């Protein structure tokens, strides 16, 4: 157990933030998964901006690396463009 009040508080904050971050990261992962599974061009084209915004927010808040976010967005854009052809 922690010996200082500040470290006890930090543990509480870390647990709270971890749950918060897990929710947003999991939501974004599920959105990426659904976009990859989409076979219709129109639905995929409408989902892409929403998923890209989610990934950008995760990168901005340092939940994922900014290069990972851009790599995912690039791959998803390729997927959507392939569907529309």
C-alpha atoms as a PDB file:
ATOM      1  CA  UNK A   1       0.000   0.000   0.000  1.00  0.00           C
ATOM      2  CA  UNK A   2       1.170   3.517  -0.749  1.00  0.00           C
ATOM      3  CA  UNK A   3       2.538   5.571   2.100  1.00  0.00           C
ATOM      4  CA  UNK A   4       1.747   9.094   0.917  1.00  0.00           C
ATOM      5  CA  UNK A   5      -1.608  10.777   0.470  1.00  0.00           C
ATOM      6  CA  UNK A   6      -0.535  12.025  -2.921  1.00  0.00           C
ATOM      7  CA  UNK A   7       0.372   8.534  -4.141  1.00  0.00           C
ATOM      8  CA  UNK A   8      -2.966   7.156  -2.916  1.00  0.00           C
ATOM      9  CA  UNK A   9      -4.733   9.890  -4.850  1.00  0.00           C
ATOM     10  CA  UNK A  10      -2.588   9.216  -7.905  1.00  0.00           C
ATOM     11  CA  UNK A  11      -3.573   5.521  -7.769  1.00  0.00           C
ATOM     12  CA  UNK A  12      -7.249   6.492  -7.670  1.00  0.00           C
ATOM     13  CA  UNK A  13      -6.827   8.871 -10.589  1.00  0.00           C
ATOM     14  CA  UNK A  14      -4.917   6.316 -12.619  1.00  0.00           C
ATOM     15  CA  UNK A  15      -7.614   3.683 -12.178  1.00  0.00           C
ATOM     16  CA  UNK A  16     -10.313   6.141 -13.182  1.00  0.00           C
ATOM     17  CA  UNK A  17      -8.389   7.351 -16.225  1.00  0.00           C
ATOM     18  CA  UNK A  18      -7.559   3.796 -17.257  1.00  0.00           C
ATOM     19  CA  UNK A  19     -11.244   2.859 -17.371  1.00  0.00           C
ATOM     20  CA  UNK A  20     -12.037   6.042 -19.280  1.00  0.00           C
ATOM     21  CA  UNK A  21      -9.282   5.428 -21.832  1.00  0.00           C
ATOM     22  CA  UNK A  22     -10.182   1.753 -22.209  1.00  0.00           C
ATOM     23  CA  UNK A  23     -13.746   2.671 -23.144  1.00  0.00           C
ATOM     24  CA  UNK A  24     -12.720   5.069 -25.911  1.00  0.00           C
ATOM     25  CA  UNK A  25      -9.988   2.807 -27.262  1.00  0.00           C
ATOM     26  CA  UNK A  26     -12.319  -0.197 -27.360  1.00  0.00           C
ATOM     27  CA  UNK A  27     -15.061   1.839 -29.035  1.00  0.00           C
ATOM     28  CA  UNK A  28     -12.645   2.968 -31.736  1.00  0.00           C
ATOM     29  CA  UNK A  29     -11.344  -0.574 -32.268  1.00  0.00           C
ATOM     30  CA  UNK A  30     -14.907  -1.829 -32.699  1.00  0.00           C
ATOM     31  CA  UNK A  31     -15.621   0.969 -35.178  1.00  0.00           C
ATOM     32  CA  UNK A  32     -12.536   0.015 -37.209  1.00  0.00           C
ATOM     33  CA  UNK A  33     -13.630  -3.620 -37.129  1.00  0.00           C
ATOM     34  CA  UNK A  34     -17.138  -2.795 -38.386  1.00  0.00           C
ATOM     35  CA  UNK A  35     -15.753  -0.577 -41.157  1.00  0.00           C
ATOM     36  CA  UNK A  36     -13.442  -3.359 -42.319  1.00  0.00           C
ATOM     37  CA  UNK A  37     -16.353  -5.807 -42.317  1.00  0.00           C
ATOM     38  CA  UNK A  38     -18.588  -3.483 -44.365  1.00  0.00           C
ATOM     39  CA  UNK A  39     -19.043  -4.624 -47.951  1.00  0.00           C
ATOM     40  CA  UNK A  40     -21.287  -1.791 -49.211  1.00  0.00           C
ATOM     41  CA  UNK A  41     -19.515   1.224 -50.670  1.00  0.00           C
ATOM     42  CA  UNK A  42     -22.065   3.806 -49.500  1.00  0.00           C
ATOM     43  CA  UNK A  43     -22.109   2.609 -45.908  1.00  0.00           C
ATOM     44  CA  UNK A  44     -18.329   2.418 -45.780  1.00  0.00           C
ATOM     45  CA  UNK A  45     -17.951   5.917 -47.243  1.00  0.00           C
ATOM     46  CA  UNK A  46     -20.267   7.351 -44.602  1.00  0.00           C
ATOM     47  CA  UNK A  47     -18.503   5.496 -41.767  1.00  0.00           C
ATOM     48  CA  UNK A  48     -14.968   6.494 -42.760  1.00  0.00           C
ATOM     49  CA  UNK A  49     -15.046  10.132 -41.523  1.00  0.00           C
ATOM     50  CA  UNK A  50     -16.476   9.069 -38.157  1.00  0.00           C
ATOM     51  CA  UNK A  51     -13.833   6.395 -37.644  1.00  0.00           C
ATOM     52  CA  UNK A  52     -11.064   8.754 -38.756  1.00  0.00           C
ATOM     53  CA  UNK A  53     -12.238  11.335 -36.217  1.00  0.00           C
ATOM     54  CA  UNK A  54     -12.213   8.696 -33.468  1.00  0.00           C
ATOM     55  CA  UNK A  55      -8.650   7.696 -34.344  1.00  0.00           C
ATOM     56  CA  UNK A  56      -7.521  11.324 -34.452  1.00  0.00           C
ATOM     57  CA  UNK A  57      -8.964  11.938 -30.986  1.00  0.00           C
ATOM     58  CA  UNK A  58      -7.201   8.870 -29.607  1.00  0.00           C
ATOM     59  CA  UNK A  59      -3.930  10.072 -31.084  1.00  0.00           C
ATOM     60  CA  UNK A  60      -4.451  13.593 -29.764  1.00  0.00           C
ATOM     61  CA  UNK A  61      -4.975  12.247 -26.252  1.00  0.00           C
ATOM     62  CA  UNK A  62      -1.950   9.922 -26.554  1.00  0.00           C
ATOM     63  CA  UNK A  63      -4.007   6.749 -26.203  1.00  0.00           C
ATOM     64  CA  UNK A  64      -2.477   5.507 -29.441  1.00  0.00           C
ATOM     65  CA  UNK A  65       0.550   6.786 -31.346  1.00  0.00           C
ATOM     66  CA  UNK A  66      -0.145   9.348 -34.059  1.00  0.00           C
ATOM     67  CA  UNK A  67       1.591   7.191 -36.673  1.00  0.00           C
ATOM     68  CA  UNK A  68      -0.612   4.227 -35.775  1.00  0.00           C
ATOM     69  CA  UNK A  69      -3.672   6.412 -36.222  1.00  0.00           C
ATOM     70  CA  UNK A  70      -2.497   7.612 -39.630  1.00  0.00           C
ATOM     71  CA  UNK A  71      -1.597   4.077 -40.726  1.00  0.00           C
ATOM     72  CA  UNK A  72      -5.050   2.821 -39.749  1.00  0.00           C
ATOM     73  CA  UNK A  73      -6.754   5.723 -41.517  1.00  0.00           C
ATOM     74  CA  UNK A  74      -4.720   5.070 -44.655  1.00  0.00           C
ATOM     75  CA  UNK A  75      -5.567   1.362 -44.709  1.00  0.00           C
ATOM     76  CA  UNK A  76      -9.243   2.092 -44.114  1.00  0.00           C
ATOM     77  CA  UNK A  77      -9.289   4.673 -46.906  1.00  0.00           C
ATOM     78  CA  UNK A  78      -7.765   2.100 -49.265  1.00  0.00           C
ATOM     79  CA  UNK A  79     -10.435  -0.379 -48.233  1.00  0.00           C
ATOM     80  CA  UNK A  80     -13.243   2.122 -48.887  1.00  0.00           C
ATOM     81  CA  UNK A  81     -11.769   3.149 -52.246  1.00  0.00           C
ATOM     82  CA  UNK A  82     -11.463  -0.499 -53.295  1.00  0.00           C
ATOM     83  CA  UNK A  83     -15.160  -1.017 -52.494  1.00  0.00           C
ATOM     84  CA  UNK A  84     -16.267   1.932 -54.611  1.00  0.00           C
ATOM     85  CA  UNK A  85     -14.549   0.630 -57.776  1.00  0.00           C
END
